[in-house]
Amino acid sequence: MNQQNTGDIDEQTAALNERHRVRMERKKAIIDAKIASADKQIGIIIVNTGNGKGKSSSGFGMVIRAMGHGMKVGVVQFIKGAMQTGEELFLRRFPEEVSFHSMGEGYTWETQNRERDIEKALQAWEQAKRFLADPEIGLVVFDELNIALKYRYLDVETVINDLLARPAMQHVVITGRGAPPELIAIADTVTEMEVVKHAFKAGIGAQAGTEW
């Protein structure tokens, strides 16, 4: 490559770098303005739903984030409970920071007992209400609550009223497929997980560390 061609490439690269800098400068100004306008400090409700993997994993990631900020956390697992998860085994090491309650007896196709499932869901919601009444709890996670609402084990209006009556700075994360529209309407952040590929479809079973 001759010197002239090298010089042309250098000029093109410099021009590209400058255009990038200008675009990012404009973008930063827009984002900074949006951040400055989002100045409300209040507890939020986050709903993770959809058929894809990662709903509970995201919620427990927020538990770790909250712990990092010195917050106390309450966890209630609906439906789950027949088998301990990696998240439960880990978080139970921190009883001063995290109060963990796994109160189901397994997925609906395993229990096959609607009356018993309703009884366990009601018991779990009583624990949930204790967390929602405690201003010392900065974050609560209601894992698989959406399933209990989907199957009408719990009354959605009662759940919503209890959620809205919680302490002003308390955050709530709710997970599970099939979040009802009433819950989505009052939530502040809603994420729907979608399936692109899943190892289970290829015959790969649940394994420690991924648990699907």
N, C-alpha and C. Protein backbone atom coordinates (compact mmCIF):
# COMPACT_ATOMS: atom_id res chain seq x y z
N MET A 1 0.85 -1.19 0.00
CA MET A 1 0.00 0.00 0.00
C MET A 1 0.89 1.24 0.00
N ASN A 2 0.59 2.14 -0.94
CA ASN A 2 1.44 3.32 -1.02
C ASN A 2 1.05 4.35 0.01
N GLN A 3 1.89 5.39 0.10
CA GLN A 3 1.71 6.40 1.15
C GLN A 3 0.41 7.17 0.97
N GLN A 4 0.04 7.41 -0.32
CA GLN A 4 -1.19 8.16 -0.57
C GLN A 4 -2.42 7.39 -0.09
N ASN A 5 -2.46 6.06 -0.40
CA ASN A 5 -3.58 5.24 0.03
C ASN A 5 -3.66 5.17 1.56
N THR A 6 -2.49 5.05 2.20
CA THR A 6 -2.47 5.04 3.66
C THR A 6 -3.02 6.33 4.23
N GLY A 7 -2.66 7.44 3.61
CA GLY A 7 -3.16 8.73 4.06
C GLY A 7 -4.66 8.85 3.89
N ASP A 8 -5.19 8.30 2.76
CA ASP A 8 -6.64 8.33 2.52
C ASP A 8 -7.39 7.55 3.59
N ILE A 9 -6.84 6.35 3.93
CA ILE A 9 -7.48 5.52 4.95
C ILE A 9 -7.45 6.21 6.30
N ASP A 10 -6.35 6.83 6.63
CA ASP A 10 -6.24 7.55 7.91
C ASP A 10 -7.27 8.67 7.97
N GLU A 11 -7.47 9.39 6.86
CA GLU A 11 -8.44 10.48 6.83
C GLU A 11 -9.86 9.94 6.97
N GLN A 12 -10.13 8.82 6.30
CA GLN A 12 -11.45 8.21 6.40
C GLN A 12 -11.73 7.75 7.83
N THR A 13 -10.73 7.13 8.45
CA THR A 13 -10.89 6.67 9.84
C THR A 13 -11.11 7.85 10.77
N ALA A 14 -10.34 8.91 10.56
CA ALA A 14 -10.49 10.10 11.40
C ALA A 14 -11.88 10.71 11.24
N ALA A 15 -12.38 10.73 9.99
CA ALA A 15 -13.71 11.29 9.73
C ALA A 15 -14.78 10.41 10.38
N LEU A 16 -14.61 9.07 10.27
CA LEU A 16 -15.55 8.15 10.89
C LEU A 16 -15.56 8.31 12.41
N ASN A 17 -14.39 8.44 13.00
CA ASN A 17 -14.28 8.62 14.44
C ASN A 17 -14.94 9.91 14.89
N GLU A 18 -14.79 10.96 14.09
CA GLU A 18 -15.38 12.25 14.44
C GLU A 18 -16.90 12.19 14.35
N ARG A 19 -17.43 11.53 13.31
CA ARG A 19 -18.89 11.39 13.19
C ARG A 19 -19.45 10.60 14.37
N HIS A 20 -18.71 9.55 14.76
CA HIS A 20 -19.13 8.75 15.92
C HIS A 20 -19.15 9.60 17.18
N ARG A 21 -18.09 10.40 17.36
CA ARG A 21 -18.00 11.25 18.55
C ARG A 21 -19.18 12.22 18.61
N VAL A 22 -19.51 12.83 17.46
CA VAL A 22 -20.60 13.80 17.42
C VAL A 22 -21.94 13.12 17.73
N ARG A 23 -22.16 11.91 17.15
CA ARG A 23 -23.40 11.19 17.42
C ARG A 23 -23.53 10.83 18.89
N MET A 24 -22.43 10.34 19.47
CA MET A 24 -22.47 9.95 20.88
C MET A 24 -22.64 11.16 21.80
N GLU A 25 -22.08 12.29 21.40
CA GLU A 25 -22.26 13.52 22.17
C GLU A 25 -23.71 13.93 22.20
N ARG A 26 -24.37 13.85 21.02
CA ARG A 26 -25.80 14.17 20.95
C ARG A 26 -26.62 13.18 21.76
N LYS A 27 -26.27 11.88 21.63
CA LYS A 27 -26.99 10.85 22.36
C LYS A 27 -26.85 11.04 23.86
N LYS A 28 -25.66 11.36 24.33
CA LYS A 28 -25.42 11.58 25.75
C LYS A 28 -26.28 12.73 26.27
N ALA A 29 -26.38 13.80 25.47
CA ALA A 29 -27.19 14.95 25.89
C ALA A 29 -28.65 14.55 26.06
N ILE A 30 -29.14 13.73 25.13
CA ILE A 30 -30.54 13.28 25.20
C ILE A 30 -30.75 12.38 26.42
N ILE A 31 -29.84 11.41 26.61
CA ILE A 31 -29.97 10.49 27.74
C ILE A 31 -29.83 11.22 29.07
N ASP A 32 -28.87 12.14 29.16
CA ASP A 32 -28.68 12.90 30.40
C ASP A 32 -29.93 13.70 30.73
N ALA A 33 -30.58 14.26 29.71
CA ALA A 33 -31.80 15.04 29.94
C ALA A 33 -32.92 14.14 30.45
N LYS A 34 -33.03 12.93 29.89
CA LYS A 34 -34.06 12.00 30.35
C LYS A 34 -33.80 11.55 31.78
N ILE A 35 -32.53 11.28 32.10
CA ILE A 35 -32.18 10.88 33.47
C ILE A 35 -32.49 12.00 34.46
N ALA A 36 -32.17 13.23 34.05
CA ALA A 36 -32.43 14.37 34.93
C ALA A 36 -33.92 14.56 35.19
N SER A 37 -34.75 14.25 34.18
CA SER A 37 -36.19 14.44 34.34
C SER A 37 -36.84 13.30 35.12
N ALA A 38 -36.16 12.14 35.19
CA ALA A 38 -36.68 11.00 35.94
C ALA A 38 -36.17 11.08 37.38
N ASP A 39 -36.71 12.04 38.12
CA ASP A 39 -36.18 12.34 39.44
C ASP A 39 -37.05 11.83 40.58
N LYS A 40 -38.10 11.08 40.26
CA LYS A 40 -38.95 10.54 41.32
C LYS A 40 -38.25 9.39 42.03
N GLN A 41 -38.27 9.38 43.34
CA GLN A 41 -37.71 8.30 44.15
C GLN A 41 -38.86 7.58 44.84
N ILE A 42 -39.19 6.39 44.33
CA ILE A 42 -40.33 5.66 44.86
C ILE A 42 -40.13 4.17 44.56
N GLY A 43 -40.68 3.33 45.40
CA GLY A 43 -40.60 1.90 45.16
C GLY A 43 -41.35 1.53 43.89
N ILE A 44 -40.81 0.58 43.13
CA ILE A 44 -41.43 0.19 41.87
C ILE A 44 -41.82 -1.28 41.87
N ILE A 45 -42.76 -1.61 41.01
CA ILE A 45 -43.20 -3.00 40.81
C ILE A 45 -42.67 -3.46 39.46
N ILE A 46 -41.93 -4.57 39.49
CA ILE A 46 -41.34 -5.14 38.28
C ILE A 46 -41.97 -6.51 38.04
N VAL A 47 -42.43 -6.75 36.83
CA VAL A 47 -43.03 -8.03 36.47
C VAL A 47 -42.21 -8.67 35.36
N ASN A 48 -41.75 -9.89 35.61
CA ASN A 48 -41.06 -10.69 34.60
C ASN A 48 -41.98 -11.84 34.20
N THR A 49 -42.38 -11.85 32.93
CA THR A 49 -43.33 -12.86 32.49
C THR A 49 -42.91 -13.40 31.13
N GLY A 50 -43.76 -14.21 30.50
CA GLY A 50 -43.44 -14.79 29.20
C GLY A 50 -43.00 -16.24 29.32
N ASN A 51 -42.84 -16.89 28.17
CA ASN A 51 -42.53 -18.31 28.13
C ASN A 51 -41.04 -18.61 28.12
N GLY A 52 -40.21 -17.59 28.03
CA GLY A 52 -38.77 -17.81 27.96
C GLY A 52 -38.12 -18.00 29.32
N LYS A 53 -36.89 -18.50 29.28
CA LYS A 53 -36.12 -18.72 30.50
C LYS A 53 -35.59 -17.38 31.01
N GLY A 54 -35.41 -17.28 32.32
CA GLY A 54 -34.73 -16.12 32.89
C GLY A 54 -35.56 -15.24 33.78
N LYS A 55 -36.84 -15.55 33.97
CA LYS A 55 -37.71 -14.70 34.78
C LYS A 55 -37.27 -14.70 36.24
N SER A 56 -37.17 -15.90 36.81
CA SER A 56 -36.72 -16.01 38.20
C SER A 56 -35.26 -15.61 38.34
N SER A 57 -34.44 -16.01 37.37
CA SER A 57 -33.01 -15.67 37.42
C SER A 57 -32.81 -14.16 37.50
N SER A 58 -33.60 -13.42 36.72
CA SER A 58 -33.51 -11.96 36.76
C SER A 58 -33.92 -11.44 38.13
N GLY A 59 -35.00 -12.01 38.68
CA GLY A 59 -35.45 -11.56 40.00
C GLY A 59 -34.41 -11.80 41.07
N PHE A 60 -33.75 -12.95 41.03
CA PHE A 60 -32.73 -13.24 42.04
C PHE A 60 -31.46 -12.43 41.80
N GLY A 61 -31.22 -12.05 40.56
CA GLY A 61 -30.13 -11.10 40.30
C GLY A 61 -30.38 -9.78 41.00
N MET A 62 -31.65 -9.35 41.04
CA MET A 62 -31.99 -8.12 41.74
C MET A 62 -31.85 -8.28 43.25
N VAL A 63 -32.07 -9.50 43.75
CA VAL A 63 -31.83 -9.74 45.18
C VAL A 63 -30.38 -9.46 45.52
N ILE A 64 -29.47 -9.99 44.71
CA ILE A 64 -28.04 -9.78 44.94
C ILE A 64 -27.69 -8.29 44.83
N ARG A 65 -28.27 -7.62 43.86
CA ARG A 65 -28.03 -6.18 43.71
C ARG A 65 -28.49 -5.42 44.96
N ALA A 66 -29.68 -5.77 45.45
CA ALA A 66 -30.20 -5.10 46.64
C ALA A 66 -29.31 -5.37 47.85
N MET A 67 -28.84 -6.61 47.99
CA MET A 67 -27.94 -6.95 49.09
C MET A 67 -26.66 -6.12 49.00
N GLY A 68 -26.18 -5.92 47.78
CA GLY A 68 -24.98 -5.11 47.60
C GLY A 68 -25.15 -3.69 48.08
N HIS A 69 -26.40 -3.20 48.04
CA HIS A 69 -26.70 -1.85 48.52
C HIS A 69 -27.10 -1.84 50.00
N GLY A 70 -26.93 -2.97 50.67
CA GLY A 70 -27.23 -3.03 52.10
C GLY A 70 -28.71 -3.12 52.42
N MET A 71 -29.53 -3.52 51.47
CA MET A 71 -30.97 -3.61 51.69
C MET A 71 -31.35 -4.99 52.23
N LYS A 72 -32.40 -5.03 53.02
CA LYS A 72 -32.98 -6.29 53.45
C LYS A 72 -33.97 -6.77 52.40
N VAL A 73 -34.02 -8.09 52.21
CA VAL A 73 -34.82 -8.66 51.13
C VAL A 73 -35.72 -9.76 51.67
N GLY A 74 -36.93 -9.81 51.15
CA GLY A 74 -37.86 -10.90 51.45
C GLY A 74 -38.19 -11.65 50.18
N VAL A 75 -38.18 -12.98 50.25
CA VAL A 75 -38.50 -13.82 49.09
C VAL A 75 -39.60 -14.80 49.47
N VAL A 76 -40.63 -14.85 48.64
CA VAL A 76 -41.65 -15.88 48.77
C VAL A 76 -41.74 -16.60 47.43
N GLN A 77 -41.54 -17.92 47.46
CA GLN A 77 -41.70 -18.72 46.26
C GLN A 77 -43.05 -19.41 46.28
N PHE A 78 -43.90 -19.08 45.31
CA PHE A 78 -45.15 -19.76 45.11
C PHE A 78 -44.89 -20.95 44.18
N ILE A 79 -45.72 -21.98 44.29
CA ILE A 79 -45.65 -23.16 43.43
C ILE A 79 -44.40 -23.99 43.72
N LYS A 80 -43.22 -23.39 43.57
CA LYS A 80 -41.97 -24.12 43.82
C LYS A 80 -41.86 -24.50 45.30
N GLY A 81 -41.07 -25.51 45.56
CA GLY A 81 -40.86 -25.91 46.94
C GLY A 81 -40.53 -27.37 47.10
N ALA A 82 -40.94 -28.20 46.13
CA ALA A 82 -40.66 -29.63 46.25
C ALA A 82 -39.17 -29.92 46.13
N MET A 83 -38.46 -29.04 45.44
CA MET A 83 -37.02 -29.24 45.26
C MET A 83 -36.32 -27.90 45.47
N GLN A 84 -35.23 -27.89 46.22
CA GLN A 84 -34.48 -26.67 46.45
C GLN A 84 -33.76 -26.24 45.19
N THR A 85 -33.79 -24.94 44.94
CA THR A 85 -33.06 -24.37 43.81
C THR A 85 -31.69 -23.88 44.26
N GLY A 86 -30.82 -23.64 43.31
CA GLY A 86 -29.51 -23.08 43.63
C GLY A 86 -29.62 -21.73 44.30
N GLU A 87 -30.62 -20.92 43.87
CA GLU A 87 -30.80 -19.60 44.47
C GLU A 87 -31.14 -19.72 45.96
N GLU A 88 -32.03 -20.66 46.27
CA GLU A 88 -32.40 -20.85 47.68
C GLU A 88 -31.21 -21.32 48.49
N LEU A 89 -30.48 -22.31 47.98
CA LEU A 89 -29.33 -22.83 48.71
C LEU A 89 -28.31 -21.73 48.99
N PHE A 90 -28.14 -20.82 48.03
CA PHE A 90 -27.18 -19.74 48.20
C PHE A 90 -27.70 -18.68 49.17
N LEU A 91 -28.91 -18.21 48.96
CA LEU A 91 -29.41 -17.08 49.74
C LEU A 91 -29.67 -17.44 51.20
N ARG A 92 -29.90 -18.70 51.48
CA ARG A 92 -30.08 -19.10 52.87
C ARG A 92 -28.78 -18.98 53.68
N ARG A 93 -27.68 -18.73 53.02
CA ARG A 93 -26.43 -18.47 53.73
C ARG A 93 -26.39 -17.08 54.35
N PHE A 94 -27.38 -16.24 54.01
CA PHE A 94 -27.39 -14.86 54.46
C PHE A 94 -28.70 -14.53 55.18
N PRO A 95 -28.97 -15.21 56.30
CA PRO A 95 -30.26 -15.04 56.97
C PRO A 95 -30.47 -13.63 57.53
N GLU A 96 -29.40 -12.89 57.77
CA GLU A 96 -29.56 -11.52 58.28
C GLU A 96 -30.04 -10.57 57.19
N GLU A 97 -29.70 -10.89 55.95
CA GLU A 97 -30.05 -10.01 54.84
C GLU A 97 -31.29 -10.48 54.09
N VAL A 98 -31.49 -11.80 54.00
CA VAL A 98 -32.56 -12.34 53.16
C VAL A 98 -33.42 -13.30 53.97
N SER A 99 -34.73 -13.04 53.97
CA SER A 99 -35.70 -13.96 54.57
C SER A 99 -36.35 -14.73 53.43
N PHE A 100 -36.06 -16.02 53.34
CA PHE A 100 -36.44 -16.83 52.18
C PHE A 100 -37.52 -17.85 52.58
N HIS A 101 -38.66 -17.81 51.85
CA HIS A 101 -39.76 -18.71 52.15
C HIS A 101 -40.19 -19.41 50.87
N SER A 102 -39.88 -20.69 50.76
CA SER A 102 -40.31 -21.50 49.62
C SER A 102 -41.54 -22.28 50.06
N MET A 103 -42.73 -21.90 49.54
CA MET A 103 -43.97 -22.32 50.17
C MET A 103 -44.90 -23.12 49.27
N GLY A 104 -44.43 -23.52 48.10
CA GLY A 104 -45.23 -24.39 47.25
C GLY A 104 -44.85 -25.84 47.46
N GLU A 105 -45.50 -26.70 46.71
CA GLU A 105 -45.20 -28.13 46.79
C GLU A 105 -44.89 -28.72 45.43
N GLY A 106 -44.62 -27.86 44.46
CA GLY A 106 -44.28 -28.35 43.13
C GLY A 106 -45.22 -27.79 42.08
N TYR A 107 -44.84 -27.95 40.83
CA TYR A 107 -45.64 -27.44 39.73
C TYR A 107 -46.98 -28.16 39.66
N THR A 108 -47.95 -27.52 39.03
CA THR A 108 -49.34 -27.99 39.06
C THR A 108 -49.48 -29.40 38.50
N TRP A 109 -48.67 -29.75 37.48
CA TRP A 109 -48.76 -31.09 36.91
C TRP A 109 -48.17 -32.16 37.84
N GLU A 110 -47.40 -31.69 38.85
CA GLU A 110 -46.85 -32.62 39.82
C GLU A 110 -47.78 -32.81 41.01
N THR A 111 -48.34 -31.71 41.50
CA THR A 111 -49.21 -31.80 42.68
C THR A 111 -50.56 -32.43 42.34
N GLN A 112 -51.16 -32.01 41.23
CA GLN A 112 -52.44 -32.56 40.76
C GLN A 112 -53.54 -32.45 41.81
N ASN A 113 -53.46 -31.40 42.62
CA ASN A 113 -54.43 -31.23 43.70
C ASN A 113 -54.73 -29.73 43.84
N ARG A 114 -55.77 -29.28 43.19
CA ARG A 114 -56.08 -27.86 43.14
C ARG A 114 -56.38 -27.29 44.53
N GLU A 115 -57.13 -28.01 45.33
CA GLU A 115 -57.47 -27.51 46.67
C GLU A 115 -56.21 -27.31 47.51
N ARG A 116 -55.30 -28.27 47.43
CA ARG A 116 -54.06 -28.17 48.19
C ARG A 116 -53.21 -27.01 47.65
N ASP A 117 -53.17 -26.85 46.33
CA ASP A 117 -52.42 -25.75 45.73
C ASP A 117 -52.96 -24.39 46.18
N ILE A 118 -54.28 -24.28 46.25
CA ILE A 118 -54.90 -23.03 46.71
C ILE A 118 -54.53 -22.77 48.16
N GLU A 119 -54.61 -23.81 48.98
CA GLU A 119 -54.26 -23.67 50.41
C GLU A 119 -52.83 -23.17 50.57
N LYS A 120 -51.90 -23.76 49.83
CA LYS A 120 -50.49 -23.35 49.93
C LYS A 120 -50.30 -21.94 49.40
N ALA A 121 -51.00 -21.57 48.34
CA ALA A 121 -50.88 -20.21 47.79
C ALA A 121 -51.39 -19.17 48.78
N LEU A 122 -52.48 -19.48 49.45
CA LEU A 122 -53.02 -18.56 50.46
C LEU A 122 -52.05 -18.39 51.62
N GLN A 123 -51.44 -19.50 52.05
CA GLN A 123 -50.44 -19.42 53.12
C GLN A 123 -49.24 -18.57 52.67
N ALA A 124 -48.84 -18.77 51.44
CA ALA A 124 -47.71 -18.00 50.91
C ALA A 124 -48.05 -16.51 50.85
N TRP A 125 -49.29 -16.19 50.48
CA TRP A 125 -49.65 -14.77 50.40
C TRP A 125 -49.71 -14.13 51.79
N GLU A 126 -50.05 -14.90 52.81
CA GLU A 126 -50.00 -14.35 54.17
C GLU A 126 -48.58 -13.93 54.52
N GLN A 127 -47.58 -14.74 54.13
CA GLN A 127 -46.19 -14.35 54.34
C GLN A 127 -45.83 -13.14 53.47
N ALA A 128 -46.33 -13.13 52.25
CA ALA A 128 -46.08 -12.00 51.37
C ALA A 128 -46.60 -10.70 51.98
N LYS A 129 -47.78 -10.76 52.58
CA LYS A 129 -48.35 -9.56 53.20
C LYS A 129 -47.51 -9.07 54.37
N ARG A 130 -46.91 -10.00 55.10
CA ARG A 130 -46.03 -9.57 56.19
C ARG A 130 -44.83 -8.79 55.66
N PHE A 131 -44.28 -9.23 54.54
CA PHE A 131 -43.20 -8.47 53.91
C PHE A 131 -43.68 -7.11 53.42
N LEU A 132 -44.86 -7.10 52.81
CA LEU A 132 -45.40 -5.85 52.24
C LEU A 132 -45.77 -4.84 53.32
N ALA A 133 -45.89 -5.29 54.56
CA ALA A 133 -46.21 -4.38 55.66
C ALA A 133 -44.97 -3.92 56.41
N ASP A 134 -43.80 -4.39 56.00
CA ASP A 134 -42.57 -4.12 56.74
C ASP A 134 -41.69 -3.11 56.00
N PRO A 135 -41.61 -1.87 56.48
CA PRO A 135 -40.81 -0.86 55.79
C PRO A 135 -39.31 -1.12 55.86
N GLU A 136 -38.88 -2.07 56.70
CA GLU A 136 -37.46 -2.42 56.77
C GLU A 136 -37.02 -3.29 55.59
N ILE A 137 -37.99 -3.89 54.91
CA ILE A 137 -37.70 -4.72 53.74
C ILE A 137 -37.66 -3.82 52.51
N GLY A 138 -36.49 -3.70 51.90
CA GLY A 138 -36.35 -2.81 50.74
C GLY A 138 -36.78 -3.43 49.43
N LEU A 139 -36.66 -4.77 49.33
CA LEU A 139 -37.02 -5.47 48.10
C LEU A 139 -37.70 -6.78 48.45
N VAL A 140 -38.81 -7.06 47.79
CA VAL A 140 -39.46 -8.36 47.93
C VAL A 140 -39.56 -9.01 46.55
N VAL A 141 -39.37 -10.32 46.53
CA VAL A 141 -39.50 -11.09 45.30
C VAL A 141 -40.59 -12.13 45.52
N PHE A 142 -41.60 -12.08 44.66
CA PHE A 142 -42.66 -13.07 44.69
C PHE A 142 -42.50 -13.96 43.46
N ASP A 143 -41.73 -15.02 43.64
CA ASP A 143 -41.37 -15.90 42.55
C ASP A 143 -42.54 -16.81 42.20
N GLU A 144 -42.91 -16.83 40.91
CA GLU A 144 -44.01 -17.63 40.37
C GLU A 144 -45.39 -17.20 40.88
N LEU A 145 -45.48 -15.99 41.39
CA LEU A 145 -46.81 -15.48 41.79
C LEU A 145 -47.76 -15.44 40.60
N ASN A 146 -47.23 -15.13 39.42
CA ASN A 146 -48.09 -15.05 38.24
C ASN A 146 -48.83 -16.37 37.99
N ILE A 147 -48.16 -17.49 38.28
CA ILE A 147 -48.82 -18.79 38.08
C ILE A 147 -50.00 -18.94 39.02
N ALA A 148 -49.80 -18.54 40.29
CA ALA A 148 -50.89 -18.63 41.27
C ALA A 148 -52.07 -17.74 40.86
N LEU A 149 -51.76 -16.60 40.26
CA LEU A 149 -52.83 -15.71 39.79
C LEU A 149 -53.49 -16.27 38.53
N LYS A 150 -52.68 -16.82 37.64
CA LYS A 150 -53.21 -17.38 36.39
C LYS A 150 -54.23 -18.49 36.66
N TYR A 151 -53.94 -19.34 37.63
CA TYR A 151 -54.85 -20.45 37.97
C TYR A 151 -55.90 -20.05 39.00
N ARG A 152 -55.93 -18.77 39.34
CA ARG A 152 -56.92 -18.22 40.27
C ARG A 152 -56.84 -18.86 41.65
N TYR A 153 -55.63 -19.22 42.05
CA TYR A 153 -55.42 -19.67 43.42
C TYR A 153 -55.54 -18.48 44.37
N LEU A 154 -55.26 -17.30 43.86
CA LEU A 154 -55.36 -16.07 44.62
C LEU A 154 -56.22 -15.09 43.85
N ASP A 155 -56.88 -14.20 44.57
CA ASP A 155 -57.70 -13.16 43.94
C ASP A 155 -56.81 -12.01 43.50
N VAL A 156 -56.82 -11.70 42.22
CA VAL A 156 -55.91 -10.70 41.68
C VAL A 156 -56.16 -9.31 42.28
N GLU A 157 -57.40 -8.95 42.51
CA GLU A 157 -57.70 -7.63 43.08
C GLU A 157 -57.17 -7.51 44.50
N THR A 158 -57.29 -8.58 45.28
CA THR A 158 -56.74 -8.57 46.64
C THR A 158 -55.23 -8.40 46.59
N VAL A 159 -54.58 -9.14 45.72
CA VAL A 159 -53.12 -9.04 45.57
C VAL A 159 -52.71 -7.63 45.18
N ILE A 160 -53.41 -7.05 44.21
CA ILE A 160 -53.07 -5.69 43.76
C ILE A 160 -53.26 -4.68 44.88
N ASN A 161 -54.36 -4.79 45.61
CA ASN A 161 -54.59 -3.85 46.72
C ASN A 161 -53.49 -3.95 47.77
N ASP A 162 -53.05 -5.15 48.07
CA ASP A 162 -51.97 -5.33 49.04
C ASP A 162 -50.65 -4.76 48.50
N LEU A 163 -50.40 -4.95 47.21
CA LEU A 163 -49.18 -4.42 46.60
C LEU A 163 -49.16 -2.89 46.67
N LEU A 164 -50.29 -2.28 46.36
CA LEU A 164 -50.35 -0.81 46.32
C LEU A 164 -50.33 -0.19 47.71
N ALA A 165 -50.61 -0.99 48.74
CA ALA A 165 -50.61 -0.46 50.11
C ALA A 165 -49.25 -0.62 50.80
N ARG A 166 -48.26 -1.10 50.09
CA ARG A 166 -46.94 -1.37 50.69
C ARG A 166 -46.21 -0.06 51.01
N PRO A 167 -45.11 -0.12 51.79
CA PRO A 167 -44.33 1.09 52.08
C PRO A 167 -43.85 1.77 50.79
N ALA A 168 -43.76 3.08 50.83
CA ALA A 168 -43.53 3.87 49.61
C ALA A 168 -42.24 3.53 48.90
N MET A 169 -41.18 3.17 49.64
CA MET A 169 -39.87 2.94 49.02
C MET A 169 -39.56 1.46 48.80
N GLN A 170 -40.55 0.61 48.99
CA GLN A 170 -40.31 -0.83 48.84
C GLN A 170 -40.49 -1.24 47.38
N HIS A 171 -39.51 -2.01 46.86
CA HIS A 171 -39.56 -2.53 45.50
C HIS A 171 -40.09 -3.96 45.51
N VAL A 172 -40.82 -4.32 44.44
CA VAL A 172 -41.40 -5.65 44.32
C VAL A 172 -41.05 -6.23 42.96
N VAL A 173 -40.58 -7.48 42.95
CA VAL A 173 -40.35 -8.21 41.71
C VAL A 173 -41.27 -9.42 41.70
N ILE A 174 -42.03 -9.57 40.62
CA ILE A 174 -42.98 -10.66 40.49
C ILE A 174 -42.63 -11.45 39.23
N THR A 175 -42.55 -12.77 39.36
CA THR A 175 -42.15 -13.59 38.21
C THR A 175 -43.22 -14.63 37.90
N GLY A 176 -43.08 -15.23 36.73
CA GLY A 176 -43.94 -16.33 36.32
C GLY A 176 -44.63 -16.07 35.00
N ARG A 177 -44.97 -17.14 34.33
CA ARG A 177 -45.69 -17.03 33.06
C ARG A 177 -47.11 -16.51 33.29
N GLY A 178 -47.66 -15.92 32.25
CA GLY A 178 -49.08 -15.58 32.26
C GLY A 178 -49.48 -14.50 33.22
N ALA A 179 -48.67 -13.45 33.35
CA ALA A 179 -49.05 -12.33 34.23
C ALA A 179 -50.41 -11.78 33.80
N PRO A 180 -51.34 -11.63 34.73
CA PRO A 180 -52.67 -11.13 34.35
C PRO A 180 -52.61 -9.66 33.92
N PRO A 181 -53.50 -9.25 33.04
CA PRO A 181 -53.48 -7.86 32.56
C PRO A 181 -53.66 -6.83 33.68
N GLU A 182 -54.39 -7.19 34.72
CA GLU A 182 -54.59 -6.25 35.82
C GLU A 182 -53.27 -5.95 36.53
N LEU A 183 -52.43 -6.97 36.66
CA LEU A 183 -51.12 -6.78 37.30
C LEU A 183 -50.20 -5.98 36.39
N ILE A 184 -50.21 -6.30 35.11
CA ILE A 184 -49.40 -5.56 34.15
C ILE A 184 -49.77 -4.08 34.16
N ALA A 185 -51.06 -3.79 34.32
CA ALA A 185 -51.53 -2.40 34.30
C ALA A 185 -50.96 -1.57 35.44
N ILE A 186 -50.76 -2.18 36.61
CA ILE A 186 -50.29 -1.39 37.76
C ILE A 186 -48.77 -1.48 37.93
N ALA A 187 -48.11 -2.35 37.16
CA ALA A 187 -46.66 -2.49 37.27
C ALA A 187 -45.95 -1.29 36.65
N ASP A 188 -44.75 -1.02 37.13
CA ASP A 188 -43.94 0.07 36.57
C ASP A 188 -43.03 -0.40 35.44
N THR A 189 -42.54 -1.63 35.56
CA THR A 189 -41.66 -2.22 34.54
C THR A 189 -42.14 -3.65 34.28
N VAL A 190 -42.36 -3.97 33.01
CA VAL A 190 -42.80 -5.30 32.63
C VAL A 190 -41.90 -5.81 31.51
N THR A 191 -41.34 -7.00 31.71
CA THR A 191 -40.50 -7.62 30.69
C THR A 191 -41.09 -8.98 30.35
N GLU A 192 -41.24 -9.24 29.04
CA GLU A 192 -41.74 -10.53 28.59
C GLU A 192 -40.59 -11.31 27.97
N MET A 193 -40.24 -12.42 28.58
CA MET A 193 -39.17 -13.28 28.08
C MET A 193 -39.70 -14.14 26.93
N GLU A 194 -38.96 -14.20 25.83
CA GLU A 194 -39.35 -15.01 24.69
C GLU A 194 -38.34 -16.15 24.49
N VAL A 195 -38.85 -17.28 24.00
CA VAL A 195 -37.99 -18.42 23.72
C VAL A 195 -37.43 -18.31 22.30
N VAL A 196 -36.12 -18.40 22.17
CA VAL A 196 -35.47 -18.53 20.86
C VAL A 196 -35.01 -19.98 20.69
N LYS A 197 -34.28 -20.48 21.66
CA LYS A 197 -33.90 -21.90 21.72
C LYS A 197 -33.91 -22.31 23.19
N HIS A 198 -34.15 -23.59 23.42
CA HIS A 198 -34.12 -24.11 24.78
C HIS A 198 -33.48 -25.50 24.77
N ALA A 199 -32.54 -25.71 25.67
CA ALA A 199 -31.81 -26.97 25.72
C ALA A 199 -32.73 -28.17 25.92
N PHE A 200 -33.83 -27.97 26.62
CA PHE A 200 -34.77 -29.06 26.88
C PHE A 200 -35.30 -29.68 25.60
N LYS A 201 -35.50 -28.83 24.58
CA LYS A 201 -36.01 -29.32 23.29
C LYS A 201 -35.00 -30.25 22.62
N ALA A 202 -33.73 -30.11 22.97
CA ALA A 202 -32.69 -30.98 22.42
C ALA A 202 -32.41 -32.18 23.31
N GLY A 203 -33.27 -32.39 24.30
CA GLY A 203 -33.11 -33.54 25.18
C GLY A 203 -32.12 -33.36 26.30
N ILE A 204 -31.72 -32.11 26.56
CA ILE A 204 -30.75 -31.83 27.62
C ILE A 204 -31.50 -31.54 28.91
N GLY A 205 -31.18 -32.25 29.95
CA GLY A 205 -31.89 -32.11 31.20
C GLY A 205 -31.38 -30.96 32.05
N ALA A 206 -32.14 -30.67 33.13
CA ALA A 206 -31.74 -29.63 34.08
C ALA A 206 -30.45 -30.05 34.78
N GLN A 207 -29.55 -29.10 34.96
CA GLN A 207 -28.26 -29.38 35.56
C GLN A 207 -27.93 -28.31 36.60
N ALA A 208 -27.21 -28.73 37.63
CA ALA A 208 -26.79 -27.78 38.67
C ALA A 208 -26.04 -26.64 38.04
N GLY A 209 -26.41 -25.42 38.41
CA GLY A 209 -25.73 -24.24 37.89
C GLY A 209 -26.49 -23.57 36.77
N THR A 210 -27.31 -24.35 36.04
CA THR A 210 -28.16 -23.75 35.01
C THR A 210 -29.63 -23.99 35.31
N GLU A 211 -29.94 -25.18 35.83
CA GLU A 211 -31.32 -25.54 36.18
C GLU A 211 -32.29 -25.15 35.06
N TRP A 212 -31.82 -25.40 33.82
CA TRP A 212 -32.54 -25.00 32.62
C TRP A 212 -32.57 -23.50 32.54
